[in-house]
Amino acid sequence: MTRDAIIDAATAFVLVDIQNDYFPGGAMELHGDEDAAGRAAGVLARFRGLGAPVLHVRHEAARPGATFFLPGSWGAAIHATVAPLPGEPVVTKAYPNSFRDTPLAGLLDAAGAKRLVVCGMMTHMCVDATVRAAFDLGYPVTVVADACATRGLSFGGRNVAAPDVQAAFLAALGAVYATLVVAADLV
């Protein structure tokens, strides 16, 4: 697969929740956050250079008792590494699925997007929900695996390390929902 086969005017780049709270000093620091954001920035530069559509998604907590992504906070802002340029749409969401109760689908239609390239944070939550929803809406999706980050989880008394969470969720997405690539494949 060549990079030109993936990125064209009908391919939109969707950056999901690359926000300050996921970085050092934030309320929910992730494993591999800075490396993932740096790779996302490289892919972002490529899309911008080709004039292909770019859409940013940011989460604002709407549920009572939320401890991160609080509306108007530094933590809810998009990280400077991938800051939107004037004219690049920013979709604000309150659910893991970036399409739920947002204008994302309409913005993609308006941009003429037929395919999506997705990266972001957290792999096991908002990236997963967004990619599955995009697939259900009929978009062929490519996930930039090394431009995503997550954190460790626990279940049933077992701790699951962040690299294992990352591998499991990417493997599941790659089985049906998306093509998986690394940033170097696109830049």
N, C-alpha and C. Protein backbone atom coordinates (compact mmCIF):
# COMPACT_ATOMS: atom_id res chain seq x y z
N MET A 1 0.85 -1.17 0.00
CA MET A 1 0.00 0.00 0.00
C MET A 1 0.90 1.24 0.00
N THR A 2 0.68 2.13 -0.95
CA THR A 2 1.48 3.34 -1.00
C THR A 2 0.75 4.47 -0.30
N ARG A 3 1.50 5.45 0.14
CA ARG A 3 0.88 6.57 0.83
C ARG A 3 -0.07 7.34 -0.08
N ASP A 4 0.22 7.40 -1.37
CA ASP A 4 -0.65 8.13 -2.29
C ASP A 4 -1.98 7.42 -2.47
N ALA A 5 -2.01 6.10 -2.26
CA ALA A 5 -3.26 5.35 -2.38
C ALA A 5 -4.17 5.65 -1.20
N ILE A 6 -3.62 6.11 -0.10
CA ILE A 6 -4.41 6.37 1.09
C ILE A 6 -4.84 7.83 1.17
N ILE A 7 -3.93 8.73 0.88
CA ILE A 7 -4.21 10.15 1.08
C ILE A 7 -4.51 10.82 -0.26
N ASP A 8 -5.75 11.30 -0.38
CA ASP A 8 -6.15 12.10 -1.52
C ASP A 8 -7.29 13.00 -1.08
N ALA A 9 -7.88 13.73 -1.98
CA ALA A 9 -8.92 14.70 -1.63
C ALA A 9 -10.16 14.04 -1.04
N ALA A 10 -10.35 12.74 -1.27
CA ALA A 10 -11.52 12.04 -0.74
C ALA A 10 -11.20 11.29 0.56
N THR A 11 -10.00 11.51 1.09
CA THR A 11 -9.58 10.87 2.34
C THR A 11 -9.43 11.94 3.40
N ALA A 12 -10.18 11.83 4.48
CA ALA A 12 -10.11 12.80 5.57
C ALA A 12 -9.29 12.22 6.72
N PHE A 13 -8.52 13.09 7.34
CA PHE A 13 -7.74 12.73 8.54
C PHE A 13 -8.52 13.21 9.76
N VAL A 14 -8.87 12.28 10.63
CA VAL A 14 -9.63 12.59 11.84
C VAL A 14 -8.74 12.32 13.05
N LEU A 15 -8.42 13.38 13.77
CA LEU A 15 -7.60 13.28 14.98
C LEU A 15 -8.53 13.31 16.18
N VAL A 16 -8.55 12.23 16.94
CA VAL A 16 -9.50 12.06 18.04
C VAL A 16 -8.84 12.35 19.38
N ASP A 17 -9.30 13.38 20.06
CA ASP A 17 -8.99 13.64 21.47
C ASP A 17 -7.50 13.71 21.82
N ILE A 18 -6.70 14.32 20.99
CA ILE A 18 -5.30 14.52 21.36
C ILE A 18 -5.27 15.82 22.17
N GLN A 19 -5.60 15.69 23.44
CA GLN A 19 -5.86 16.82 24.33
C GLN A 19 -4.91 16.82 25.52
N ASN A 20 -4.72 18.00 26.08
CA ASN A 20 -3.74 18.20 27.14
C ASN A 20 -3.88 17.28 28.34
N ASP A 21 -5.08 16.93 28.74
CA ASP A 21 -5.24 16.08 29.92
C ASP A 21 -4.59 14.71 29.76
N TYR A 22 -4.27 14.29 28.55
CA TYR A 22 -3.63 13.00 28.33
C TYR A 22 -2.10 13.06 28.39
N PHE A 23 -1.55 14.25 28.63
CA PHE A 23 -0.10 14.45 28.62
C PHE A 23 0.41 14.76 30.02
N PRO A 24 1.74 14.76 30.21
CA PRO A 24 2.28 15.09 31.53
C PRO A 24 1.69 16.40 32.05
N GLY A 25 1.26 16.36 33.30
CA GLY A 25 0.63 17.52 33.92
C GLY A 25 -0.88 17.50 33.78
N GLY A 26 -1.40 16.60 32.96
CA GLY A 26 -2.84 16.48 32.77
C GLY A 26 -3.46 15.51 33.76
N ALA A 27 -4.75 15.44 33.75
CA ALA A 27 -5.49 14.64 34.73
C ALA A 27 -5.56 13.16 34.40
N MET A 28 -5.19 12.74 33.17
CA MET A 28 -5.30 11.33 32.76
C MET A 28 -4.16 10.98 31.81
N GLU A 29 -2.92 11.09 32.30
CA GLU A 29 -1.76 10.86 31.45
C GLU A 29 -1.77 9.43 30.89
N LEU A 30 -1.45 9.33 29.62
CA LEU A 30 -1.44 8.04 28.93
C LEU A 30 -0.01 7.54 28.71
N HIS A 31 0.09 6.28 28.40
CA HIS A 31 1.37 5.65 28.05
C HIS A 31 1.66 5.93 26.57
N GLY A 32 2.82 6.49 26.27
CA GLY A 32 3.19 6.74 24.88
C GLY A 32 2.55 7.95 24.25
N ASP A 33 2.01 8.84 25.09
CA ASP A 33 1.29 10.02 24.59
C ASP A 33 2.13 10.92 23.70
N GLU A 34 3.32 11.27 24.14
CA GLU A 34 4.13 12.23 23.38
C GLU A 34 4.62 11.64 22.06
N ASP A 35 5.02 10.37 22.07
CA ASP A 35 5.44 9.72 20.82
C ASP A 35 4.28 9.65 19.84
N ALA A 36 3.11 9.25 20.33
CA ALA A 36 1.93 9.16 19.46
C ALA A 36 1.58 10.52 18.87
N ALA A 37 1.61 11.56 19.69
CA ALA A 37 1.28 12.90 19.21
C ALA A 37 2.29 13.38 18.16
N GLY A 38 3.56 13.07 18.36
CA GLY A 38 4.58 13.44 17.38
C GLY A 38 4.34 12.77 16.04
N ARG A 39 3.95 11.50 16.09
CA ARG A 39 3.66 10.78 14.84
C ARG A 39 2.38 11.34 14.19
N ALA A 40 1.39 11.65 15.00
CA ALA A 40 0.16 12.25 14.47
C ALA A 40 0.48 13.58 13.78
N ALA A 41 1.39 14.35 14.37
CA ALA A 41 1.77 15.63 13.78
C ALA A 41 2.42 15.44 12.41
N GLY A 42 3.21 14.39 12.26
CA GLY A 42 3.81 14.10 10.96
C GLY A 42 2.77 13.77 9.91
N VAL A 43 1.79 12.95 10.28
CA VAL A 43 0.71 12.60 9.34
C VAL A 43 -0.12 13.84 9.04
N LEU A 44 -0.38 14.64 10.06
CA LEU A 44 -1.13 15.88 9.89
C LEU A 44 -0.43 16.80 8.88
N ALA A 45 0.87 16.94 8.98
CA ALA A 45 1.63 17.78 8.04
C ALA A 45 1.48 17.25 6.61
N ARG A 46 1.48 15.94 6.46
CA ARG A 46 1.33 15.35 5.12
C ARG A 46 -0.06 15.67 4.54
N PHE A 47 -1.11 15.48 5.35
CA PHE A 47 -2.47 15.80 4.88
C PHE A 47 -2.57 17.28 4.52
N ARG A 48 -2.05 18.13 5.40
CA ARG A 48 -2.11 19.57 5.10
C ARG A 48 -1.36 19.90 3.82
N GLY A 49 -0.19 19.29 3.63
CA GLY A 49 0.61 19.54 2.44
C GLY A 49 -0.08 19.13 1.16
N LEU A 50 -0.93 18.11 1.24
CA LEU A 50 -1.67 17.65 0.07
C LEU A 50 -3.02 18.34 -0.08
N GLY A 51 -3.38 19.17 0.89
CA GLY A 51 -4.68 19.84 0.84
C GLY A 51 -5.85 18.90 1.08
N ALA A 52 -5.58 17.76 1.73
CA ALA A 52 -6.65 16.79 2.03
C ALA A 52 -7.38 17.24 3.30
N PRO A 53 -8.63 16.84 3.46
CA PRO A 53 -9.43 17.29 4.61
C PRO A 53 -8.86 16.82 5.95
N VAL A 54 -8.89 17.73 6.92
CA VAL A 54 -8.44 17.45 8.29
C VAL A 54 -9.55 17.88 9.24
N LEU A 55 -9.90 17.00 10.16
CA LEU A 55 -10.91 17.32 11.18
C LEU A 55 -10.39 16.92 12.55
N HIS A 56 -10.52 17.81 13.49
CA HIS A 56 -10.09 17.56 14.87
C HIS A 56 -11.33 17.27 15.72
N VAL A 57 -11.19 16.33 16.63
CA VAL A 57 -12.26 16.01 17.57
C VAL A 57 -11.71 16.22 18.97
N ARG A 58 -12.50 16.86 19.81
CA ARG A 58 -12.10 17.05 21.20
C ARG A 58 -13.28 16.72 22.10
N HIS A 59 -12.94 16.12 23.22
CA HIS A 59 -13.96 15.69 24.18
C HIS A 59 -14.09 16.73 25.28
N GLU A 60 -15.34 17.04 25.64
CA GLU A 60 -15.62 17.84 26.83
C GLU A 60 -16.54 17.02 27.71
N ALA A 61 -16.15 16.88 28.96
CA ALA A 61 -16.94 16.07 29.89
C ALA A 61 -18.28 16.72 30.16
N ALA A 62 -19.33 15.90 30.04
CA ALA A 62 -20.68 16.40 30.31
C ALA A 62 -21.31 15.68 31.50
N ARG A 63 -20.66 14.60 31.95
CA ARG A 63 -21.26 13.83 33.03
C ARG A 63 -20.87 14.41 34.39
N PRO A 64 -21.78 14.37 35.34
CA PRO A 64 -21.48 14.87 36.69
C PRO A 64 -20.33 14.08 37.30
N GLY A 65 -19.46 14.77 38.00
CA GLY A 65 -18.34 14.14 38.68
C GLY A 65 -17.13 13.87 37.80
N ALA A 66 -17.15 14.32 36.55
CA ALA A 66 -16.01 14.12 35.66
C ALA A 66 -14.77 14.78 36.25
N THR A 67 -13.61 14.15 36.02
CA THR A 67 -12.36 14.67 36.59
C THR A 67 -11.38 15.15 35.53
N PHE A 68 -11.71 14.96 34.26
CA PHE A 68 -10.84 15.48 33.21
C PHE A 68 -11.68 15.91 32.01
N PHE A 69 -11.06 16.65 31.11
CA PHE A 69 -11.72 17.26 29.95
C PHE A 69 -12.86 18.17 30.40
N LEU A 70 -12.63 18.88 31.48
CA LEU A 70 -13.65 19.79 31.99
C LEU A 70 -13.80 20.98 31.04
N PRO A 71 -15.03 21.35 30.69
CA PRO A 71 -15.25 22.45 29.74
C PRO A 71 -14.49 23.72 30.14
N GLY A 72 -13.81 24.30 29.17
CA GLY A 72 -13.08 25.54 29.39
C GLY A 72 -11.74 25.37 30.05
N SER A 73 -11.34 24.16 30.40
CA SER A 73 -10.08 23.95 31.11
C SER A 73 -8.91 23.79 30.13
N TRP A 74 -7.70 23.98 30.66
CA TRP A 74 -6.48 23.74 29.89
C TRP A 74 -6.47 22.29 29.42
N GLY A 75 -6.88 21.37 30.27
CA GLY A 75 -6.84 19.96 29.94
C GLY A 75 -7.72 19.56 28.77
N ALA A 76 -8.80 20.28 28.55
CA ALA A 76 -9.72 19.97 27.46
C ALA A 76 -9.26 20.52 26.11
N ALA A 77 -8.24 21.36 26.13
CA ALA A 77 -7.75 21.96 24.87
C ALA A 77 -6.96 20.94 24.06
N ILE A 78 -7.00 21.07 22.75
CA ILE A 78 -6.19 20.23 21.87
C ILE A 78 -4.73 20.53 22.11
N HIS A 79 -3.92 19.48 22.19
CA HIS A 79 -2.49 19.61 22.46
C HIS A 79 -1.81 20.41 21.33
N ALA A 80 -0.85 21.22 21.71
CA ALA A 80 -0.16 22.10 20.76
C ALA A 80 0.51 21.33 19.61
N THR A 81 0.90 20.10 19.84
CA THR A 81 1.57 19.30 18.81
C THR A 81 0.71 19.16 17.55
N VAL A 82 -0.61 19.13 17.73
CA VAL A 82 -1.52 18.94 16.59
C VAL A 82 -2.59 20.04 16.55
N ALA A 83 -2.25 21.21 17.03
CA ALA A 83 -3.22 22.30 17.11
C ALA A 83 -3.85 22.59 15.74
N PRO A 84 -5.16 22.79 15.72
CA PRO A 84 -5.84 23.09 14.46
C PRO A 84 -5.39 24.42 13.87
N LEU A 85 -5.33 24.47 12.55
CA LEU A 85 -5.10 25.72 11.85
C LEU A 85 -6.44 26.39 11.60
N PRO A 86 -6.44 27.69 11.37
CA PRO A 86 -7.71 28.35 11.03
C PRO A 86 -8.36 27.65 9.83
N GLY A 87 -9.65 27.41 9.95
CA GLY A 87 -10.40 26.76 8.89
C GLY A 87 -10.51 25.25 9.04
N GLU A 88 -9.69 24.65 9.90
CA GLU A 88 -9.82 23.21 10.15
C GLU A 88 -10.91 23.00 11.18
N PRO A 89 -11.94 22.23 10.83
CA PRO A 89 -13.05 22.02 11.77
C PRO A 89 -12.62 21.33 13.06
N VAL A 90 -13.21 21.78 14.15
CA VAL A 90 -13.03 21.14 15.46
C VAL A 90 -14.41 20.71 15.93
N VAL A 91 -14.58 19.41 16.11
CA VAL A 91 -15.84 18.85 16.57
C VAL A 91 -15.72 18.59 18.07
N THR A 92 -16.66 19.11 18.84
CA THR A 92 -16.68 18.86 20.27
C THR A 92 -17.72 17.78 20.55
N LYS A 93 -17.31 16.78 21.34
CA LYS A 93 -18.19 15.66 21.63
C LYS A 93 -18.27 15.43 23.14
N ALA A 94 -19.30 14.68 23.54
CA ALA A 94 -19.48 14.34 24.96
C ALA A 94 -19.51 12.83 25.17
N TYR A 95 -19.35 12.05 24.11
CA TYR A 95 -19.39 10.59 24.18
C TYR A 95 -18.15 10.02 23.50
N PRO A 96 -17.78 8.77 23.78
CA PRO A 96 -16.61 8.18 23.12
C PRO A 96 -16.72 8.15 21.59
N ASN A 97 -17.88 7.86 21.04
CA ASN A 97 -18.11 7.82 19.61
C ASN A 97 -18.15 9.26 19.08
N SER A 98 -17.20 9.61 18.25
CA SER A 98 -17.10 10.98 17.72
C SER A 98 -18.26 11.37 16.82
N PHE A 99 -19.06 10.42 16.37
CA PHE A 99 -20.21 10.71 15.52
C PHE A 99 -21.48 10.98 16.33
N ARG A 100 -21.52 10.50 17.56
CA ARG A 100 -22.76 10.59 18.35
C ARG A 100 -23.05 12.03 18.77
N ASP A 101 -24.19 12.53 18.34
CA ASP A 101 -24.65 13.88 18.69
C ASP A 101 -23.64 14.97 18.33
N THR A 102 -22.95 14.77 17.21
CA THR A 102 -22.01 15.79 16.71
C THR A 102 -22.26 16.01 15.22
N PRO A 103 -21.67 17.06 14.66
CA PRO A 103 -21.80 17.30 13.22
C PRO A 103 -20.73 16.59 12.38
N LEU A 104 -19.99 15.62 12.96
CA LEU A 104 -18.87 15.02 12.25
C LEU A 104 -19.27 14.44 10.90
N ALA A 105 -20.31 13.64 10.84
CA ALA A 105 -20.71 13.02 9.57
C ALA A 105 -21.04 14.08 8.52
N GLY A 106 -21.74 15.13 8.91
CA GLY A 106 -22.06 16.20 7.98
C GLY A 106 -20.82 16.93 7.49
N LEU A 107 -19.87 17.15 8.38
CA LEU A 107 -18.62 17.81 7.98
C LEU A 107 -17.82 16.94 7.01
N LEU A 108 -17.80 15.63 7.27
CA LEU A 108 -17.12 14.72 6.34
C LEU A 108 -17.80 14.72 4.98
N ASP A 109 -19.13 14.70 4.97
CA ASP A 109 -19.86 14.76 3.70
C ASP A 109 -19.55 16.05 2.96
N ALA A 110 -19.57 17.17 3.68
CA ALA A 110 -19.30 18.47 3.07
C ALA A 110 -17.89 18.54 2.49
N ALA A 111 -16.95 17.81 3.11
CA ALA A 111 -15.56 17.80 2.63
C ALA A 111 -15.37 16.80 1.50
N GLY A 112 -16.40 16.02 1.17
CA GLY A 112 -16.28 15.03 0.11
C GLY A 112 -15.52 13.78 0.53
N ALA A 113 -15.44 13.54 1.84
CA ALA A 113 -14.67 12.40 2.35
C ALA A 113 -15.39 11.08 2.07
N LYS A 114 -14.67 10.18 1.48
CA LYS A 114 -15.17 8.83 1.21
C LYS A 114 -14.44 7.78 2.05
N ARG A 115 -13.26 8.14 2.55
CA ARG A 115 -12.41 7.27 3.37
C ARG A 115 -11.86 8.09 4.53
N LEU A 116 -11.53 7.40 5.64
CA LEU A 116 -10.98 8.07 6.80
C LEU A 116 -9.64 7.47 7.21
N VAL A 117 -8.75 8.34 7.64
CA VAL A 117 -7.55 7.94 8.37
C VAL A 117 -7.73 8.51 9.76
N VAL A 118 -7.58 7.65 10.77
CA VAL A 118 -7.88 8.04 12.16
C VAL A 118 -6.68 7.76 13.04
N CYS A 119 -6.46 8.65 13.99
CA CYS A 119 -5.49 8.42 15.06
C CYS A 119 -6.01 9.14 16.29
N GLY A 120 -5.37 8.92 17.44
CA GLY A 120 -5.77 9.67 18.61
C GLY A 120 -5.66 8.92 19.91
N MET A 121 -6.49 9.37 20.85
CA MET A 121 -6.40 8.92 22.23
C MET A 121 -7.80 8.80 22.81
N MET A 122 -8.09 7.93 23.64
CA MET A 122 -7.48 6.70 24.06
C MET A 122 -7.88 5.60 23.07
N THR A 123 -6.92 4.78 22.71
CA THR A 123 -7.16 3.71 21.75
C THR A 123 -8.32 2.84 22.18
N HIS A 124 -8.35 2.48 23.46
CA HIS A 124 -9.36 1.52 23.93
C HIS A 124 -10.74 2.14 24.15
N MET A 125 -10.86 3.42 23.99
CA MET A 125 -12.15 4.07 24.27
C MET A 125 -12.62 4.85 23.04
N CYS A 126 -12.18 6.08 22.90
CA CYS A 126 -12.72 6.96 21.86
C CYS A 126 -12.24 6.60 20.46
N VAL A 127 -10.99 6.17 20.31
CA VAL A 127 -10.54 5.73 18.98
C VAL A 127 -11.33 4.50 18.57
N ASP A 128 -11.44 3.53 19.47
CA ASP A 128 -12.19 2.31 19.18
C ASP A 128 -13.64 2.62 18.81
N ALA A 129 -14.33 3.41 19.63
CA ALA A 129 -15.74 3.73 19.38
C ALA A 129 -15.92 4.48 18.06
N THR A 130 -15.02 5.39 17.77
CA THR A 130 -15.12 6.19 16.54
C THR A 130 -14.87 5.35 15.30
N VAL A 131 -13.86 4.50 15.35
CA VAL A 131 -13.55 3.65 14.19
C VAL A 131 -14.69 2.68 13.92
N ARG A 132 -15.24 2.08 14.95
CA ARG A 132 -16.35 1.14 14.75
C ARG A 132 -17.58 1.86 14.19
N ALA A 133 -17.85 3.06 14.68
CA ALA A 133 -18.99 3.84 14.17
C ALA A 133 -18.76 4.22 12.71
N ALA A 134 -17.55 4.64 12.37
CA ALA A 134 -17.24 5.00 10.98
C ALA A 134 -17.43 3.80 10.05
N PHE A 135 -16.97 2.64 10.49
CA PHE A 135 -17.17 1.41 9.72
C PHE A 135 -18.66 1.16 9.51
N ASP A 136 -19.45 1.30 10.58
CA ASP A 136 -20.89 1.07 10.49
C ASP A 136 -21.56 2.07 9.55
N LEU A 137 -20.99 3.25 9.42
CA LEU A 137 -21.52 4.26 8.51
C LEU A 137 -21.04 4.07 7.07
N GLY A 138 -20.20 3.06 6.85
CA GLY A 138 -19.77 2.74 5.50
C GLY A 138 -18.44 3.31 5.07
N TYR A 139 -17.72 3.94 5.97
CA TYR A 139 -16.40 4.49 5.62
C TYR A 139 -15.33 3.40 5.68
N PRO A 140 -14.52 3.24 4.65
CA PRO A 140 -13.30 2.46 4.81
C PRO A 140 -12.36 3.27 5.73
N VAL A 141 -11.83 2.63 6.76
CA VAL A 141 -11.04 3.33 7.77
C VAL A 141 -9.63 2.76 7.83
N THR A 142 -8.66 3.66 7.92
CA THR A 142 -7.27 3.31 8.18
C THR A 142 -6.91 3.91 9.53
N VAL A 143 -6.35 3.11 10.42
CA VAL A 143 -5.91 3.60 11.73
C VAL A 143 -4.39 3.68 11.73
N VAL A 144 -3.87 4.83 12.13
CA VAL A 144 -2.43 5.00 12.28
C VAL A 144 -2.08 4.50 13.68
N ALA A 145 -1.72 3.23 13.76
CA ALA A 145 -1.58 2.53 15.03
C ALA A 145 -0.58 3.18 15.98
N ASP A 146 0.54 3.64 15.47
CA ASP A 146 1.55 4.21 16.37
C ASP A 146 1.34 5.71 16.62
N ALA A 147 0.22 6.23 16.14
CA ALA A 147 -0.18 7.61 16.46
C ALA A 147 -1.40 7.59 17.38
N CYS A 148 -1.54 6.49 18.11
CA CYS A 148 -2.59 6.32 19.10
C CYS A 148 -1.93 5.99 20.44
N ALA A 149 -2.60 6.32 21.52
CA ALA A 149 -2.07 6.01 22.85
C ALA A 149 -3.21 5.62 23.78
N THR A 150 -2.87 4.87 24.81
CA THR A 150 -3.86 4.40 25.77
C THR A 150 -3.23 4.30 27.15
N ARG A 151 -3.88 3.59 28.05
CA ARG A 151 -3.35 3.40 29.39
C ARG A 151 -3.67 1.98 29.84
N GLY A 152 -3.06 1.58 30.94
CA GLY A 152 -3.33 0.27 31.50
C GLY A 152 -4.75 0.21 32.07
N LEU A 153 -5.29 -0.99 32.13
CA LEU A 153 -6.64 -1.21 32.66
C LEU A 153 -6.60 -2.37 33.64
N SER A 154 -7.67 -2.58 34.38
CA SER A 154 -7.81 -3.76 35.21
C SER A 154 -9.20 -4.33 35.08
N PHE A 155 -9.25 -5.66 35.23
CA PHE A 155 -10.53 -6.35 35.18
C PHE A 155 -10.38 -7.69 35.91
N GLY A 156 -11.36 -8.01 36.73
CA GLY A 156 -11.36 -9.29 37.40
C GLY A 156 -10.13 -9.55 38.23
N GLY A 157 -9.60 -8.50 38.84
CA GLY A 157 -8.41 -8.65 39.66
C GLY A 157 -7.12 -8.73 38.88
N ARG A 158 -7.18 -8.55 37.56
CA ARG A 158 -5.98 -8.59 36.72
C ARG A 158 -5.66 -7.20 36.22
N ASN A 159 -4.40 -6.86 36.27
CA ASN A 159 -3.93 -5.61 35.68
C ASN A 159 -3.44 -5.90 34.27
N VAL A 160 -3.85 -5.07 33.33
CA VAL A 160 -3.45 -5.21 31.94
C VAL A 160 -2.60 -3.99 31.59
N ALA A 161 -1.35 -4.22 31.26
CA ALA A 161 -0.42 -3.13 30.95
C ALA A 161 -0.85 -2.40 29.69
N ALA A 162 -0.53 -1.11 29.64
CA ALA A 162 -0.91 -0.27 28.49
C ALA A 162 -0.49 -0.85 27.15
N PRO A 163 0.74 -1.37 26.99
CA PRO A 163 1.09 -1.95 25.68
C PRO A 163 0.20 -3.14 25.30
N ASP A 164 -0.26 -3.88 26.29
CA ASP A 164 -1.15 -5.01 26.01
C ASP A 164 -2.55 -4.54 25.66
N VAL A 165 -3.03 -3.49 26.33
CA VAL A 165 -4.33 -2.90 25.99
C VAL A 165 -4.26 -2.38 24.55
N GLN A 166 -3.18 -1.67 24.25
CA GLN A 166 -3.00 -1.10 22.90
C GLN A 166 -3.03 -2.21 21.85
N ALA A 167 -2.25 -3.27 22.08
CA ALA A 167 -2.17 -4.36 21.12
C ALA A 167 -3.51 -5.06 20.95
N ALA A 168 -4.22 -5.30 22.04
CA ALA A 168 -5.50 -6.00 21.95
C ALA A 168 -6.54 -5.19 21.19
N PHE A 169 -6.64 -3.91 21.49
CA PHE A 169 -7.65 -3.10 20.80
C PHE A 169 -7.30 -2.88 19.34
N LEU A 170 -6.04 -2.66 19.04
CA LEU A 170 -5.66 -2.50 17.64
C LEU A 170 -5.87 -3.80 16.87
N ALA A 171 -5.55 -4.93 17.49
CA ALA A 171 -5.77 -6.22 16.83
C ALA A 171 -7.24 -6.42 16.52
N ALA A 172 -8.11 -6.06 17.45
CA ALA A 172 -9.55 -6.20 17.21
C ALA A 172 -10.01 -5.27 16.09
N LEU A 173 -9.55 -4.03 16.09
CA LEU A 173 -9.94 -3.11 15.01
C LEU A 173 -9.43 -3.62 13.67
N GLY A 174 -8.20 -4.11 13.64
CA GLY A 174 -7.59 -4.57 12.40
C GLY A 174 -8.21 -5.85 11.86
N ALA A 175 -8.90 -6.59 12.71
CA ALA A 175 -9.52 -7.84 12.26
C ALA A 175 -10.70 -7.61 11.33
N VAL A 176 -11.44 -6.51 11.53
CA VAL A 176 -12.66 -6.28 10.75
C VAL A 176 -12.85 -4.81 10.37
N TYR A 177 -12.60 -3.92 11.30
CA TYR A 177 -13.05 -2.54 11.18
C TYR A 177 -12.12 -1.59 10.43
N ALA A 178 -10.84 -1.92 10.36
CA ALA A 178 -9.90 -0.94 9.79
C ALA A 178 -8.66 -1.62 9.25
N THR A 179 -7.98 -0.90 8.39
CA THR A 179 -6.63 -1.26 7.98
C THR A 179 -5.70 -0.56 8.95
N LEU A 180 -4.69 -1.27 9.44
CA LEU A 180 -3.74 -0.67 10.37
C LEU A 180 -2.44 -0.35 9.64
N VAL A 181 -1.94 0.86 9.86
CA VAL A 181 -0.66 1.28 9.31
C VAL A 181 0.12 1.97 10.42
N VAL A 182 1.37 2.27 10.16
CA VAL A 182 2.17 3.11 11.04
C VAL A 182 2.40 4.44 10.35
N ALA A 183 2.73 5.44 11.12
CA ALA A 183 2.87 6.80 10.57
C ALA A 183 3.88 6.84 9.41
N ALA A 184 4.95 6.08 9.52
CA ALA A 184 5.96 6.08 8.46
C ALA A 184 5.39 5.64 7.11
N ASP A 185 4.29 4.89 7.12
CA ASP A 185 3.65 4.49 5.88
C ASP A 185 2.99 5.67 5.16
N LEU A 186 2.73 6.73 5.91
CA LEU A 186 1.97 7.86 5.35
C LEU A 186 2.79 9.13 5.16
N VAL A 187 3.96 9.22 5.76
CA VAL A 187 4.73 10.47 5.68
C VAL A 187 5.98 10.31 4.85
